[in-house]
């Protein structure tokens, strides 16, 4: 299973084996990662799973318009590497991905 490193707001790093096909949000919430609220449960309707892609940015599929629109509702600073973790599905190509979580989602 591909591994993803989540960097929590505290700086703590959590490495998780993520099943292919799961979203980054699903893996984080299923494993108790701090910093993702996921209020809408992954339906791209709340922006509380905002994250920053720290590695493999060229291998992560581009955000669709709905995700880009929803990111405008994020509480934390929007950066060039901002994404909604519910919209990124794990694949073997993303093994080793590093995701940083913002200080606040709400």
N, C-alpha and C. Protein backbone atom coordinates (compact mmCIF):
# COMPACT_ATOMS: atom_id res chain seq x y z
N UNK A 1 0.83 -1.17 0.00
CA UNK A 1 0.00 0.00 0.00
C UNK A 1 0.88 1.25 0.00
N UNK A 2 0.53 2.25 -0.80
CA UNK A 2 1.31 3.48 -0.81
C UNK A 2 1.22 4.22 0.52
N UNK A 3 2.31 4.86 0.90
CA UNK A 3 2.36 5.62 2.15
C UNK A 3 2.21 7.12 1.86
N UNK A 4 1.53 7.80 2.78
CA UNK A 4 1.39 9.26 2.73
C UNK A 4 1.82 9.79 4.09
N UNK A 5 2.58 10.88 4.09
CA UNK A 5 2.95 11.56 5.32
C UNK A 5 2.08 12.79 5.47
N UNK A 6 1.36 12.85 6.58
CA UNK A 6 0.54 14.02 6.92
C UNK A 6 1.31 14.81 7.97
N UNK A 7 1.45 16.09 7.77
CA UNK A 7 2.07 16.95 8.77
C UNK A 7 0.95 17.74 9.43
N UNK A 8 0.68 17.39 10.69
CA UNK A 8 -0.40 18.02 11.43
C UNK A 8 -0.04 19.47 11.75
N UNK A 9 -1.03 20.29 12.11
CA UNK A 9 -0.75 21.69 12.45
C UNK A 9 0.33 21.86 13.52
N UNK A 10 0.45 20.90 14.42
CA UNK A 10 1.46 20.94 15.48
C UNK A 10 2.87 20.66 14.96
N UNK A 11 2.96 20.16 13.73
CA UNK A 11 4.26 19.76 13.17
C UNK A 11 4.51 18.27 13.27
N UNK A 12 3.66 17.56 14.02
CA UNK A 12 3.77 16.11 14.15
C UNK A 12 3.56 15.45 12.78
N UNK A 13 4.41 14.52 12.43
CA UNK A 13 4.27 13.79 11.17
C UNK A 13 3.64 12.44 11.42
N UNK A 14 2.62 12.12 10.63
CA UNK A 14 1.92 10.85 10.73
C UNK A 14 2.01 10.16 9.37
N UNK A 15 2.60 8.97 9.35
CA UNK A 15 2.73 8.21 8.10
C UNK A 15 1.66 7.13 8.09
N UNK A 16 0.90 7.09 6.99
CA UNK A 16 -0.22 6.17 6.89
C UNK A 16 -0.12 5.39 5.58
N UNK A 17 -0.43 4.09 5.65
CA UNK A 17 -0.63 3.28 4.45
C UNK A 17 -2.03 3.59 3.95
N UNK A 18 -2.13 4.10 2.73
CA UNK A 18 -3.42 4.53 2.19
C UNK A 18 -3.83 3.58 1.06
N UNK A 19 -4.98 2.93 1.19
CA UNK A 19 -5.43 2.06 0.11
C UNK A 19 -5.64 2.83 -1.19
N UNK A 20 -5.22 2.26 -2.30
CA UNK A 20 -5.44 2.87 -3.61
C UNK A 20 -6.95 3.06 -3.78
N UNK A 21 -7.32 4.25 -4.24
CA UNK A 21 -8.73 4.58 -4.45
C UNK A 21 -9.34 5.39 -3.31
N UNK A 22 -8.74 5.34 -2.14
CA UNK A 22 -9.23 6.15 -1.01
C UNK A 22 -8.81 7.59 -1.23
N UNK A 23 -9.61 8.53 -0.71
CA UNK A 23 -9.19 9.92 -0.75
C UNK A 23 -8.22 10.18 0.39
N UNK A 24 -7.43 11.23 0.24
CA UNK A 24 -6.52 11.61 1.31
C UNK A 24 -7.30 11.96 2.57
N UNK A 25 -8.49 12.52 2.42
CA UNK A 25 -9.34 12.86 3.56
C UNK A 25 -9.80 11.59 4.27
N UNK A 26 -10.25 10.58 3.53
CA UNK A 26 -10.70 9.32 4.13
C UNK A 26 -9.60 8.71 4.97
N UNK A 27 -8.41 8.66 4.42
CA UNK A 27 -7.28 8.05 5.14
C UNK A 27 -6.97 8.83 6.41
N UNK A 28 -6.98 10.15 6.33
CA UNK A 28 -6.66 10.98 7.49
C UNK A 28 -7.71 10.81 8.58
N UNK A 29 -8.98 10.90 8.23
CA UNK A 29 -10.02 10.81 9.25
C UNK A 29 -10.12 9.40 9.82
N UNK A 30 -9.86 8.39 9.03
CA UNK A 30 -9.90 7.01 9.50
C UNK A 30 -8.75 6.68 10.44
N UNK A 31 -7.71 7.50 10.40
CA UNK A 31 -6.52 7.23 11.21
C UNK A 31 -6.26 8.30 12.26
N UNK A 32 -7.23 9.14 12.53
CA UNK A 32 -7.13 10.11 13.61
C UNK A 32 -6.13 11.23 13.40
N UNK A 33 -5.84 11.57 12.15
CA UNK A 33 -4.93 12.67 11.87
C UNK A 33 -5.59 13.98 12.31
N UNK A 34 -4.85 14.78 13.07
CA UNK A 34 -5.36 16.08 13.54
C UNK A 34 -5.26 17.11 12.42
N UNK A 35 -6.31 17.92 12.28
CA UNK A 35 -6.23 19.04 11.35
C UNK A 35 -7.18 18.97 10.17
N UNK A 36 -7.94 17.90 10.04
CA UNK A 36 -8.95 17.80 8.99
C UNK A 36 -10.30 17.63 9.67
N UNK A 37 -11.20 18.57 9.40
CA UNK A 37 -12.55 18.51 9.98
C UNK A 37 -13.47 17.63 9.14
N UNK A 38 -13.42 17.78 7.83
CA UNK A 38 -14.23 16.99 6.89
C UNK A 38 -15.72 17.03 7.22
N UNK A 39 -16.24 18.23 7.45
CA UNK A 39 -17.64 18.39 7.86
C UNK A 39 -18.64 17.83 6.84
N UNK A 40 -18.32 17.89 5.56
CA UNK A 40 -19.28 17.41 4.55
C UNK A 40 -19.07 15.94 4.19
N UNK A 41 -18.10 15.30 4.81
CA UNK A 41 -17.87 13.89 4.57
C UNK A 41 -17.24 13.55 3.24
N UNK A 42 -16.71 14.54 2.56
CA UNK A 42 -16.01 14.26 1.31
C UNK A 42 -16.77 14.60 0.05
N UNK A 43 -17.81 15.40 0.16
CA UNK A 43 -18.61 15.73 -1.02
C UNK A 43 -18.23 17.05 -1.67
N UNK A 44 -17.08 17.60 -1.30
CA UNK A 44 -16.58 18.86 -1.88
C UNK A 44 -17.58 19.99 -1.68
N UNK A 45 -18.09 20.09 -0.43
CA UNK A 45 -19.11 21.10 -0.15
C UNK A 45 -18.78 21.97 1.05
N UNK A 46 -17.55 21.89 1.62
CA UNK A 46 -17.31 22.67 2.83
C UNK A 46 -15.90 23.25 2.97
N UNK A 47 -14.92 22.73 2.31
CA UNK A 47 -13.53 23.21 2.37
C UNK A 47 -12.87 22.99 3.73
N UNK A 48 -13.39 22.08 4.56
CA UNK A 48 -12.76 21.82 5.86
C UNK A 48 -11.79 20.63 5.82
N UNK A 49 -11.38 20.27 4.62
CA UNK A 49 -10.33 19.26 4.46
C UNK A 49 -9.18 19.84 3.64
N UNK A 50 -9.08 21.16 3.69
CA UNK A 50 -8.03 21.90 2.99
C UNK A 50 -6.65 21.37 3.41
N UNK A 51 -5.77 21.25 2.44
CA UNK A 51 -4.41 20.82 2.73
C UNK A 51 -3.46 21.46 1.74
N UNK A 52 -2.18 21.34 2.03
CA UNK A 52 -1.13 21.82 1.15
C UNK A 52 -0.33 20.61 0.67
N UNK A 53 -0.22 20.45 -0.62
CA UNK A 53 0.54 19.34 -1.20
C UNK A 53 2.01 19.75 -1.19
N UNK A 54 2.82 19.05 -0.40
CA UNK A 54 4.22 19.40 -0.21
C UNK A 54 5.17 18.64 -1.14
N UNK A 55 4.71 17.56 -1.74
CA UNK A 55 5.55 16.79 -2.65
C UNK A 55 4.68 16.17 -3.73
N UNK A 56 5.28 15.70 -4.79
CA UNK A 56 4.57 15.02 -5.87
C UNK A 56 3.53 15.91 -6.56
N UNK A 57 3.65 17.22 -6.44
CA UNK A 57 2.64 18.12 -7.00
C UNK A 57 2.42 17.88 -8.49
N UNK A 58 3.47 17.50 -9.20
CA UNK A 58 3.33 17.26 -10.63
C UNK A 58 2.61 15.95 -10.93
N UNK A 59 2.42 15.09 -9.94
CA UNK A 59 1.74 13.81 -10.16
C UNK A 59 0.31 13.80 -9.64
N UNK A 60 -0.05 14.82 -8.86
CA UNK A 60 -1.42 14.92 -8.35
C UNK A 60 -2.29 15.48 -9.46
N UNK A 61 -3.39 14.80 -9.79
CA UNK A 61 -4.27 15.34 -10.84
C UNK A 61 -4.72 16.76 -10.52
N UNK A 62 -4.87 17.57 -11.54
CA UNK A 62 -5.27 18.98 -11.37
C UNK A 62 -6.65 19.08 -10.75
N UNK A 63 -6.86 20.14 -9.99
CA UNK A 63 -8.16 20.39 -9.37
C UNK A 63 -9.17 20.77 -10.44
N UNK A 64 -10.37 20.25 -10.29
CA UNK A 64 -11.46 20.64 -11.19
C UNK A 64 -12.06 21.96 -10.71
N UNK A 65 -12.88 22.58 -11.54
CA UNK A 65 -13.42 23.90 -11.23
C UNK A 65 -14.20 23.93 -9.92
N UNK A 66 -15.00 22.90 -9.64
CA UNK A 66 -15.77 22.86 -8.40
C UNK A 66 -14.88 22.91 -7.17
N UNK A 67 -13.77 22.19 -7.22
CA UNK A 67 -12.82 22.22 -6.10
C UNK A 67 -12.17 23.59 -5.98
N UNK A 68 -11.77 24.16 -7.09
CA UNK A 68 -11.15 25.49 -7.05
C UNK A 68 -12.12 26.52 -6.48
N UNK A 69 -13.39 26.43 -6.86
CA UNK A 69 -14.40 27.34 -6.32
C UNK A 69 -14.56 27.14 -4.82
N UNK A 70 -14.65 25.88 -4.38
CA UNK A 70 -14.85 25.60 -2.96
C UNK A 70 -13.66 26.03 -2.12
N UNK A 71 -12.46 25.96 -2.67
CA UNK A 71 -11.27 26.39 -1.93
C UNK A 71 -11.36 27.85 -1.52
N UNK A 72 -12.10 28.64 -2.25
CA UNK A 72 -12.25 30.06 -1.90
C UNK A 72 -12.95 30.24 -0.55
N UNK A 73 -13.60 29.18 -0.06
CA UNK A 73 -14.27 29.21 1.25
C UNK A 73 -13.38 28.73 2.39
N UNK A 74 -12.17 28.32 2.08
CA UNK A 74 -11.27 27.82 3.11
C UNK A 74 -10.89 28.94 4.08
N UNK A 75 -10.75 28.59 5.34
CA UNK A 75 -10.40 29.56 6.37
C UNK A 75 -8.91 29.92 6.29
N UNK A 76 -8.07 28.93 6.09
CA UNK A 76 -6.62 29.15 6.07
C UNK A 76 -6.20 29.78 4.73
N UNK A 77 -5.00 30.31 4.74
CA UNK A 77 -4.44 30.93 3.54
C UNK A 77 -4.46 29.97 2.36
N UNK A 78 -4.91 30.48 1.22
CA UNK A 78 -4.89 29.69 -0.02
C UNK A 78 -3.52 29.91 -0.67
N UNK A 79 -2.87 28.81 -1.00
CA UNK A 79 -1.55 28.86 -1.63
C UNK A 79 -1.62 28.14 -2.97
N UNK A 80 -0.56 28.25 -3.73
CA UNK A 80 -0.50 27.57 -5.03
C UNK A 80 -0.65 26.06 -4.88
N UNK A 81 -0.24 25.51 -3.74
CA UNK A 81 -0.32 24.06 -3.52
C UNK A 81 -1.54 23.66 -2.68
N UNK A 82 -2.51 24.55 -2.54
CA UNK A 82 -3.73 24.24 -1.78
C UNK A 82 -4.62 23.27 -2.56
N UNK A 83 -5.17 22.32 -1.83
CA UNK A 83 -6.12 21.37 -2.41
C UNK A 83 -7.11 20.96 -1.32
N UNK A 84 -8.21 20.36 -1.75
CA UNK A 84 -9.13 19.72 -0.83
C UNK A 84 -8.78 18.24 -0.82
N UNK A 85 -8.48 17.72 0.36
CA UNK A 85 -8.01 16.34 0.45
C UNK A 85 -9.08 15.32 0.06
N UNK A 86 -10.34 15.72 0.09
CA UNK A 86 -11.41 14.81 -0.33
C UNK A 86 -11.40 14.57 -1.84
N UNK A 87 -10.73 15.42 -2.57
CA UNK A 87 -10.73 15.33 -4.03
C UNK A 87 -9.50 14.66 -4.61
N UNK A 88 -8.59 14.22 -3.75
CA UNK A 88 -7.38 13.55 -4.24
C UNK A 88 -7.46 12.08 -3.87
N UNK A 89 -7.57 11.25 -4.88
CA UNK A 89 -7.64 9.80 -4.69
C UNK A 89 -6.24 9.21 -4.75
N UNK A 90 -5.98 8.31 -3.82
CA UNK A 90 -4.66 7.69 -3.74
C UNK A 90 -4.43 6.77 -4.93
N UNK A 91 -3.21 6.81 -5.41
CA UNK A 91 -2.77 5.90 -6.49
C UNK A 91 -1.34 5.48 -6.18
N UNK A 92 -0.88 4.46 -6.85
CA UNK A 92 0.50 4.01 -6.65
C UNK A 92 1.49 5.11 -7.00
N UNK A 93 1.14 5.97 -7.97
CA UNK A 93 2.03 7.05 -8.39
C UNK A 93 2.23 8.10 -7.29
N UNK A 94 1.31 8.15 -6.34
CA UNK A 94 1.41 9.14 -5.26
C UNK A 94 2.10 8.60 -4.01
N UNK A 95 2.65 7.40 -4.09
CA UNK A 95 3.37 6.83 -2.94
C UNK A 95 4.46 7.80 -2.50
N UNK A 96 4.51 8.06 -1.19
CA UNK A 96 5.49 8.97 -0.65
C UNK A 96 5.02 10.42 -0.56
N UNK A 97 3.78 10.67 -0.95
CA UNK A 97 3.20 12.01 -0.92
C UNK A 97 3.31 12.61 0.48
N UNK A 98 3.58 13.91 0.55
CA UNK A 98 3.62 14.64 1.82
C UNK A 98 2.56 15.72 1.76
N UNK A 99 1.69 15.74 2.78
CA UNK A 99 0.57 16.67 2.85
C UNK A 99 0.69 17.44 4.16
N UNK A 100 0.65 18.76 4.08
CA UNK A 100 0.69 19.61 5.29
C UNK A 100 -0.72 20.14 5.54
N UNK A 101 -1.12 20.14 6.80
CA UNK A 101 -2.45 20.61 7.17
C UNK A 101 -2.34 22.00 7.77
N UNK A 102 -3.29 22.88 7.42
CA UNK A 102 -3.23 24.26 7.94
C UNK A 102 -3.55 24.34 9.42
N UNK A 103 -3.26 25.50 9.99
CA UNK A 103 -3.51 25.72 11.42
C UNK A 103 -4.97 25.58 11.79
N UNK A 104 -5.88 25.95 10.90
CA UNK A 104 -7.30 25.90 11.21
C UNK A 104 -8.11 25.60 9.97
N UNK A 105 -9.21 24.89 10.17
CA UNK A 105 -10.15 24.60 9.09
C UNK A 105 -11.48 25.33 9.30
N UNK A 106 -11.73 25.71 10.53
CA UNK A 106 -13.02 26.36 10.84
C UNK A 106 -12.82 27.67 11.58
